[in-house]
Amino acid sequence: MSSAADRRRNVLQTIVSAAKLAGREPADVTLVAVSKTRTIGEIRELIEAGQRDFGESRVQEALDKWPVLLAAHDDLTLHCIGRLQSNKAAEAVRLFGTIHSLDRLSLLESLVREAEKANRCPGVYVQVNIGEEEQKGGCAIDEVASLVSAVRQSPLPLEGLMCIPPLGLEPSPFFALLAKIAGENGVAGLSMGMSADYRAAVTLGSTAVRVGTALFAD
């Protein structure tokens, strides 16, 4: 069985080759290790291998695992990559350095309110429902400009746009569409690409890939 260090090295090598293919700097791509459902022991193995950015989907699960890890490693960044309820905004602001799933004005208002109370401002990505799927989170494509504008007027740093392409379809056209929308709104960051498609995402401009399966042993 490969080690955590080996798996991480393989993913980073793929990012490097994809970035070079697109004429990009590999250092411009952040690898976010998706640690949802993973144990503290599994996470520690990746930390020891050099991984510093991790993603969790559920606030409660993150609260159960991460305070002890963050206390032991002050150079880690925890990313919220799952749908976020407004009533979890206080916990999210205290725990996460970056939130990838901002998809509505009411959530932004909750995050700003809690950020002011905590004197801590996590960066945010505006999540776009790029495949226009009823069951999936993300703002509508025609609402991106207004939500981006609202974030820019808030104290929360705008990190970019995020998307999850429809399952079972070729993801590249959706990545290209998100990059186009980002360009139209003067946004540089793109959180897109997971274990099955992060190579394509990097070639199309992703600056943050969210990889789980490829980094953890089955």
C-alpha atoms as a PDB file:
ATOM      1  CA  MET A   1       0.000   0.000   0.000  1.00  0.00           C
ATOM      2  CA  SER A   2       1.352   3.450  -0.904  1.00  0.00           C
ATOM      3  CA  SER A   3       2.100   5.910   1.865  1.00  0.00           C
ATOM      4  CA  ALA A   4       0.426   9.276   2.407  1.00  0.00           C
ATOM      5  CA  ALA A   5       3.641  10.934   1.237  1.00  0.00           C
ATOM      6  CA  ASP A   6       3.655   8.869  -1.970  1.00  0.00           C
ATOM      7  CA  ARG A   7       0.030   9.638  -2.738  1.00  0.00           C
ATOM      8  CA  ARG A   8       0.552  13.340  -2.125  1.00  0.00           C
ATOM      9  CA  ARG A   9       3.669  13.354  -4.286  1.00  0.00           C
ATOM     10  CA  ASN A  10       1.765  11.712  -7.156  1.00  0.00           C
ATOM     11  CA  VAL A  11      -1.048  14.262  -6.981  1.00  0.00           C
ATOM     12  CA  LEU A  12       1.403  17.166  -6.877  1.00  0.00           C
ATOM     13  CA  GLN A  13       3.269  15.745  -9.875  1.00  0.00           C
ATOM     14  CA  THR A  14      -0.002  15.590 -11.815  1.00  0.00           C
ATOM     15  CA  ILE A  15      -0.715  19.211 -10.899  1.00  0.00           C
ATOM     16  CA  VAL A  16       2.754  20.223 -12.070  1.00  0.00           C
ATOM     17  CA  SER A  17       2.411  18.445 -15.426  1.00  0.00           C
ATOM     18  CA  ALA A  18      -1.092  19.847 -16.030  1.00  0.00           C
ATOM     19  CA  ALA A  19      -0.009  23.366 -15.136  1.00  0.00           C
ATOM     20  CA  LYS A  20       3.028  23.212 -17.417  1.00  0.00           C
ATOM     21  CA  LEU A  21       0.838  21.900 -20.242  1.00  0.00           C
ATOM     22  CA  ALA A  22      -1.311  25.014 -19.868  1.00  0.00           C
ATOM     23  CA  GLY A  23       1.668  27.350 -19.554  1.00  0.00           C
ATOM     24  CA  ARG A  24       0.907  28.040 -15.909  1.00  0.00           C
ATOM     25  CA  GLU A  25       2.988  28.147 -12.750  1.00  0.00           C
ATOM     26  CA  PRO A  26       2.303  25.024 -10.641  1.00  0.00           C
ATOM     27  CA  ALA A  27       2.781  27.131  -7.509  1.00  0.00           C
ATOM     28  CA  ASP A  28      -0.397  29.019  -8.433  1.00  0.00           C
ATOM     29  CA  VAL A  29      -2.479  25.898  -7.683  1.00  0.00           C
ATOM     30  CA  THR A  30      -3.366  25.059  -4.069  1.00  0.00           C
ATOM     31  CA  LEU A  31      -3.962  21.409  -3.242  1.00  0.00           C
ATOM     32  CA  VAL A  32      -6.815  21.097  -0.727  1.00  0.00           C
ATOM     33  CA  ALA A  33      -6.924  17.611   0.824  1.00  0.00           C
ATOM     34  CA  VAL A  34     -10.565  16.661   1.362  1.00  0.00           C
ATOM     35  CA  SER A  35     -10.548  15.028   4.776  1.00  0.00           C
ATOM     36  CA  LYS A  36     -14.281  14.547   5.339  1.00  0.00           C
ATOM     37  CA  THR A  37     -15.034  11.107   6.863  1.00  0.00           C
ATOM     38  CA  ARG A  38     -11.288  10.615   7.485  1.00  0.00           C
ATOM     39  CA  THR A  39      -9.840   9.972  10.930  1.00  0.00           C
ATOM     40  CA  ILE A  40      -7.451  12.216  12.834  1.00  0.00           C
ATOM     41  CA  GLY A  41      -4.789   9.543  12.344  1.00  0.00           C
ATOM     42  CA  GLU A  42      -5.200   9.574   8.566  1.00  0.00           C
ATOM     43  CA  ILE A  43      -5.092  13.358   8.524  1.00  0.00           C
ATOM     44  CA  ARG A  44      -1.951  13.445  10.666  1.00  0.00           C
ATOM     45  CA  GLU A  45      -0.178  11.225   8.124  1.00  0.00           C
ATOM     46  CA  LEU A  46      -0.794  13.817   5.419  1.00  0.00           C
ATOM     47  CA  ILE A  47       0.229  16.668   7.706  1.00  0.00           C
ATOM     48  CA  GLU A  48       3.501  14.848   8.375  1.00  0.00           C
ATOM     49  CA  ALA A  49       3.917  14.452   4.610  1.00  0.00           C
ATOM     50  CA  GLY A  50       3.773  18.233   4.231  1.00  0.00           C
ATOM     51  CA  GLN A  51       0.107  18.877   3.427  1.00  0.00           C
ATOM     52  CA  ARG A  52      -1.148  22.169   4.851  1.00  0.00           C
ATOM     53  CA  ASP A  53      -4.589  22.804   3.283  1.00  0.00           C
ATOM     54  CA  PHE A  54      -7.535  20.567   4.184  1.00  0.00           C
ATOM     55  CA  GLY A  55     -11.240  20.618   3.318  1.00  0.00           C
ATOM     56  CA  GLU A  56     -14.280  19.548   5.321  1.00  0.00           C
ATOM     57  CA  SER A  57     -17.909  19.452   4.215  1.00  0.00           C
ATOM     58  CA  ARG A  58     -19.752  19.495   7.553  1.00  0.00           C
ATOM     59  CA  VAL A  59     -19.210  21.973  10.355  1.00  0.00           C
ATOM     60  CA  GLN A  60     -19.976  19.503  13.135  1.00  0.00           C
ATOM     61  CA  GLU A  61     -17.588  16.872  11.806  1.00  0.00           C
ATOM     62  CA  ALA A  62     -14.882  19.514  11.496  1.00  0.00           C
ATOM     63  CA  LEU A  63     -15.508  20.645  15.081  1.00  0.00           C
ATOM     64  CA  ASP A  64     -15.078  17.072  16.262  1.00  0.00           C
ATOM     65  CA  LYS A  65     -11.674  16.664  14.586  1.00  0.00           C
ATOM     66  CA  TRP A  66      -9.912  19.898  13.877  1.00  0.00           C
ATOM     67  CA  PRO A  67      -9.486  22.031  17.026  1.00  0.00           C
ATOM     68  CA  VAL A  68      -6.773  19.708  18.350  1.00  0.00           C
ATOM     69  CA  LEU A  69      -5.028  19.546  14.969  1.00  0.00           C
ATOM     70  CA  LEU A  70      -5.150  23.304  14.415  1.00  0.00           C
ATOM     71  CA  ALA A  71      -3.831  23.896  17.922  1.00  0.00           C
ATOM     72  CA  ALA A  72      -0.865  21.641  17.197  1.00  0.00           C
ATOM     73  CA  HIS A  73      -0.110  23.116  13.745  1.00  0.00           C
ATOM     74  CA  ASP A  74      -0.567  26.859  13.413  1.00  0.00           C
ATOM     75  CA  ASP A  75       0.343  26.822   9.720  1.00  0.00           C
ATOM     76  CA  LEU A  76      -2.674  24.779   8.580  1.00  0.00           C
ATOM     77  CA  THR A  77      -5.629  26.216   6.671  1.00  0.00           C
ATOM     78  CA  LEU A  78      -9.014  24.527   6.950  1.00  0.00           C
ATOM     79  CA  HIS A  79     -11.422  25.005   4.046  1.00  0.00           C
ATOM     80  CA  CYS A  80     -15.215  24.660   4.185  1.00  0.00           C
ATOM     81  CA  ILE A  81     -16.175  22.927   0.932  1.00  0.00           C
ATOM     82  CA  GLY A  82     -19.736  21.795   1.694  1.00  0.00           C
ATOM     83  CA  ARG A  83     -23.082  23.571   1.740  1.00  0.00           C
ATOM     84  CA  LEU A  84     -23.231  25.904   4.698  1.00  0.00           C
ATOM     85  CA  GLN A  85     -26.330  26.815   6.681  1.00  0.00           C
ATOM     86  CA  SER A  86     -26.596  30.349   8.020  1.00  0.00           C
ATOM     87  CA  ASN A  87     -27.092  29.043  11.552  1.00  0.00           C
ATOM     88  CA  LYS A  88     -23.608  27.510  11.365  1.00  0.00           C
ATOM     89  CA  ALA A  89     -21.973  30.806  10.398  1.00  0.00           C
ATOM     90  CA  ALA A  90     -20.496  31.487  13.852  1.00  0.00           C
ATOM     91  CA  GLU A  91     -18.764  28.108  14.045  1.00  0.00           C
ATOM     92  CA  ALA A  92     -17.633  28.375  10.419  1.00  0.00           C
ATOM     93  CA  VAL A  93     -16.019  31.774  10.936  1.00  0.00           C
ATOM     94  CA  ARG A  94     -14.099  30.575  13.985  1.00  0.00           C
ATOM     95  CA  LEU A  95     -12.933  27.312  12.399  1.00  0.00           C
ATOM     96  CA  PHE A  96     -12.353  27.845   8.680  1.00  0.00           C
ATOM     97  CA  GLY A  97      -9.760  30.008   7.011  1.00  0.00           C
ATOM     98  CA  THR A  98     -11.542  29.784   3.658  1.00  0.00           C
ATOM     99  CA  ILE A  99     -15.181  29.081   2.760  1.00  0.00           C
ATOM    100  CA  HIS A 100     -15.789  27.738  -0.763  1.00  0.00           C
ATOM    101  CA  SER A 101     -19.591  27.519  -0.634  1.00  0.00           C
ATOM    102  CA  LEU A 102     -20.980  31.046  -0.392  1.00  0.00           C
ATOM    103  CA  ASP A 103     -24.077  30.915  -2.578  1.00  0.00           C
ATOM    104  CA  ARG A 104     -26.546  33.525  -1.307  1.00  0.00           C
ATOM    105  CA  LEU A 105     -26.729  37.018   0.129  1.00  0.00           C
ATOM    106  CA  SER A 106     -28.329  35.892   3.401  1.00  0.00           C
ATOM    107  CA  LEU A 107     -25.356  33.609   4.107  1.00  0.00           C
ATOM    108  CA  LEU A 108     -22.933  36.422   3.334  1.00  0.00           C
ATOM    109  CA  GLU A 109     -24.759  38.661   5.802  1.00  0.00           C
ATOM    110  CA  SER A 110     -24.553  35.968   8.496  1.00  0.00           C
ATOM    111  CA  LEU A 111     -20.850  35.425   7.870  1.00  0.00           C
ATOM    112  CA  VAL A 112     -20.109  39.153   7.979  1.00  0.00           C
ATOM    113  CA  ARG A 113     -22.036  39.530  11.240  1.00  0.00           C
ATOM    114  CA  GLU A 114     -20.147  36.665  12.870  1.00  0.00           C
ATOM    115  CA  ALA A 115     -16.807  37.795  11.418  1.00  0.00           C
ATOM    116  CA  GLU A 116     -17.245  41.190  13.042  1.00  0.00           C
ATOM    117  CA  LYS A 117     -18.042  39.552  16.382  1.00  0.00           C
ATOM    118  CA  ALA A 118     -15.039  37.220  16.179  1.00  0.00           C
ATOM    119  CA  ASN A 119     -12.695  39.802  14.617  1.00  0.00           C
ATOM    120  CA  ARG A 120     -11.773  37.147  12.070  1.00  0.00           C
ATOM    121  CA  CYS A 121     -12.499  37.295   8.331  1.00  0.00           C
ATOM    122  CA  PRO A 122     -12.235  34.044   6.366  1.00  0.00           C
ATOM    123  CA  GLY A 123     -11.801  34.295   2.633  1.00  0.00           C
ATOM    124  CA  VAL A 124     -14.780  33.211   0.529  1.00  0.00           C
ATOM    125  CA  TYR A 125     -15.444  31.689  -2.872  1.00  0.00           C
ATOM    126  CA  VAL A 126     -18.797  32.312  -4.535  1.00  0.00           C
ATOM    127  CA  GLN A 127     -20.186  28.897  -5.435  1.00  0.00           C
ATOM    128  CA  VAL A 128     -21.869  28.798  -8.843  1.00  0.00           C
ATOM    129  CA  ASN A 129     -24.475  26.214  -9.826  1.00  0.00           C
ATOM    130  CA  ILE A 130     -22.624  25.742 -13.089  1.00  0.00           C
ATOM    131  CA  GLY A 131     -24.821  22.891 -14.349  1.00  0.00           C
ATOM    132  CA  GLU A 132     -28.098  24.571 -13.319  1.00  0.00           C
ATOM    133  CA  GLU A 133     -29.055  21.549 -11.199  1.00  0.00           C
ATOM    134  CA  GLU A 134     -32.041  21.946  -8.889  1.00  0.00           C
ATOM    135  CA  GLN A 135     -30.619  19.665  -6.194  1.00  0.00           C
ATOM    136  CA  LYS A 136     -27.174  21.263  -6.047  1.00  0.00           C
ATOM    137  CA  GLY A 137     -25.945  24.277  -4.097  1.00  0.00           C
ATOM    138  CA  GLY A 138     -24.574  27.383  -5.745  1.00  0.00           C
ATOM    139  CA  CYS A 139     -26.001  30.640  -6.990  1.00  0.00           C
ATOM    140  CA  ALA A 140     -27.510  30.923 -10.450  1.00  0.00           C
ATOM    141  CA  ILE A 141     -25.142  32.030 -13.192  1.00  0.00           C
ATOM    142  CA  ASP A 142     -27.067  35.275 -13.690  1.00  0.00           C
ATOM    143  CA  GLU A 143     -26.690  36.074  -9.973  1.00  0.00           C
ATOM    144  CA  VAL A 144     -22.895  35.785  -9.871  1.00  0.00           C
ATOM    145  CA  ALA A 145     -22.187  39.454 -10.621  1.00  0.00           C
ATOM    146  CA  SER A 146     -24.425  40.763  -7.854  1.00  0.00           C
ATOM    147  CA  LEU A 147     -23.104  38.317  -5.251  1.00  0.00           C
ATOM    148  CA  VAL A 148     -19.487  39.024  -6.214  1.00  0.00           C
ATOM    149  CA  SER A 149     -20.206  42.734  -5.874  1.00  0.00           C
ATOM    150  CA  ALA A 150     -21.730  42.202  -2.425  1.00  0.00           C
ATOM    151  CA  VAL A 151     -18.674  40.269  -1.252  1.00  0.00           C
ATOM    152  CA  ARG A 152     -16.379  43.009  -2.525  1.00  0.00           C
ATOM    153  CA  GLN A 153     -18.310  45.523  -0.446  1.00  0.00           C
ATOM    154  CA  SER A 154     -17.976  43.333   2.640  1.00  0.00           C
ATOM    155  CA  PRO A 155     -14.940  42.815   4.905  1.00  0.00           C
ATOM    156  CA  LEU A 156     -14.559  39.218   3.720  1.00  0.00           C
ATOM    157  CA  PRO A 157     -11.802  38.682   1.124  1.00  0.00           C
ATOM    158  CA  LEU A 158     -13.106  37.397  -2.224  1.00  0.00           C
ATOM    159  CA  GLU A 159     -10.974  34.382  -3.149  1.00  0.00           C
ATOM    160  CA  GLY A 160     -12.783  33.509  -6.380  1.00  0.00           C
ATOM    161  CA  LEU A 161     -15.529  31.302  -7.818  1.00  0.00           C
ATOM    162  CA  MET A 162     -16.204  27.630  -7.087  1.00  0.00           C
ATOM    163  CA  CYS A 163     -18.179  24.941  -8.893  1.00  0.00           C
ATOM    164  CA  ILE A 164     -18.987  21.242  -8.904  1.00  0.00           C
ATOM    165  CA  PRO A 165     -19.831  20.012 -12.434  1.00  0.00           C
ATOM    166  CA  PRO A 166     -22.801  17.664 -12.957  1.00  0.00           C
ATOM    167  CA  LEU A 167     -22.023  14.051 -12.145  1.00  0.00           C
ATOM    168  CA  GLY A 168     -21.569  11.809 -15.169  1.00  0.00           C
ATOM    169  CA  LEU A 169     -20.888  14.571 -17.690  1.00  0.00           C
ATOM    170  CA  GLU A 170     -17.576  15.660 -19.164  1.00  0.00           C
ATOM    171  CA  PRO A 171     -16.421  18.348 -16.695  1.00  0.00           C
ATOM    172  CA  SER A 172     -14.172  20.423 -18.962  1.00  0.00           C
ATOM    173  CA  PRO A 173     -16.926  22.543 -20.564  1.00  0.00           C
ATOM    174  CA  PHE A 174     -18.196  23.457 -17.112  1.00  0.00           C
ATOM    175  CA  PHE A 175     -14.703  24.370 -15.925  1.00  0.00           C
ATOM    176  CA  ALA A 176     -14.239  26.507 -19.033  1.00  0.00           C
ATOM    177  CA  LEU A 177     -17.588  28.215 -18.410  1.00  0.00           C
ATOM    178  CA  LEU A 178     -16.658  29.039 -14.814  1.00  0.00           C
ATOM    179  CA  ALA A 179     -13.352  30.481 -16.005  1.00  0.00           C
ATOM    180  CA  LYS A 180     -15.240  32.620 -18.524  1.00  0.00           C
ATOM    181  CA  ILE A 181     -17.643  33.879 -15.845  1.00  0.00           C
ATOM    182  CA  ALA A 182     -14.707  34.643 -13.575  1.00  0.00           C
ATOM    183  CA  GLY A 183     -13.013  36.643 -16.303  1.00  0.00           C
ATOM    184  CA  GLU A 184     -16.183  38.633 -16.957  1.00  0.00           C
ATOM    185  CA  ASN A 185     -16.305  39.554 -13.270  1.00  0.00           C
ATOM    186  CA  GLY A 186     -12.613  40.291 -12.822  1.00  0.00           C
ATOM    187  CA  VAL A 187     -12.145  37.312 -10.516  1.00  0.00           C
ATOM    188  CA  ALA A 188      -8.834  35.454 -10.525  1.00  0.00           C
ATOM    189  CA  GLY A 189      -9.408  32.484  -8.213  1.00  0.00           C
ATOM    190  CA  LEU A 190     -11.101  29.286  -9.358  1.00  0.00           C
ATOM    191  CA  SER A 191     -11.894  26.441  -6.942  1.00  0.00           C
ATOM    192  CA  MET A 192     -12.654  23.533  -9.254  1.00  0.00           C
ATOM    193  CA  GLY A 193     -11.509  19.968  -9.760  1.00  0.00           C
ATOM    194  CA  MET A 194     -11.688  16.875  -7.565  1.00  0.00           C
ATOM    195  CA  SER A 195      -9.927  13.483  -7.592  1.00  0.00           C
ATOM    196  CA  ALA A 196     -11.432  12.350 -10.906  1.00  0.00           C
ATOM    197  CA  ASP A 197     -10.960  15.575 -12.852  1.00  0.00           C
ATOM    198  CA  TYR A 198      -8.423  17.869 -11.171  1.00  0.00           C
ATOM    199  CA  ARG A 199      -5.935  17.498 -14.037  1.00  0.00           C
ATOM    200  CA  ALA A 200      -8.453  18.928 -16.501  1.00  0.00           C
ATOM    201  CA  ALA A 201      -9.385  21.642 -14.005  1.00  0.00           C
ATOM    202  CA  VAL A 202      -5.769  22.771 -13.682  1.00  0.00           C
ATOM    203  CA  THR A 203      -5.336  22.991 -17.453  1.00  0.00           C
ATOM    204  CA  LEU A 204      -8.437  25.218 -17.547  1.00  0.00           C
ATOM    205  CA  GLY A 205      -7.289  27.612 -14.845  1.00  0.00           C
ATOM    206  CA  SER A 206      -8.113  26.147 -11.448  1.00  0.00           C
ATOM    207  CA  THR A 207      -6.228  27.757  -8.567  1.00  0.00           C
ATOM    208  CA  ALA A 208      -7.551  25.366  -5.889  1.00  0.00           C
ATOM    209  CA  VAL A 209      -8.251  21.666  -6.426  1.00  0.00           C
ATOM    210  CA  ARG A 210     -10.211  19.700  -3.825  1.00  0.00           C
ATOM    211  CA  VAL A 211      -8.791  16.175  -3.793  1.00  0.00           C
ATOM    212  CA  GLY A 212      -9.816  13.405  -1.406  1.00  0.00           C
ATOM    213  CA  THR A 213      -9.765   9.853  -2.750  1.00  0.00           C
ATOM    214  CA  ALA A 214      -6.419  10.211  -4.510  1.00  0.00           C
ATOM    215  CA  LEU A 215      -4.748  11.331  -1.273  1.00  0.00           C
ATOM    216  CA  PHE A 216      -6.137   8.826   1.199  1.00  0.00           C
ATOM    217  CA  ALA A 217      -5.814   5.058   1.314  1.00  0.00           C
ATOM    218  CA  ASP A 218      -9.040   3.113   0.681  1.00  0.00           C
END
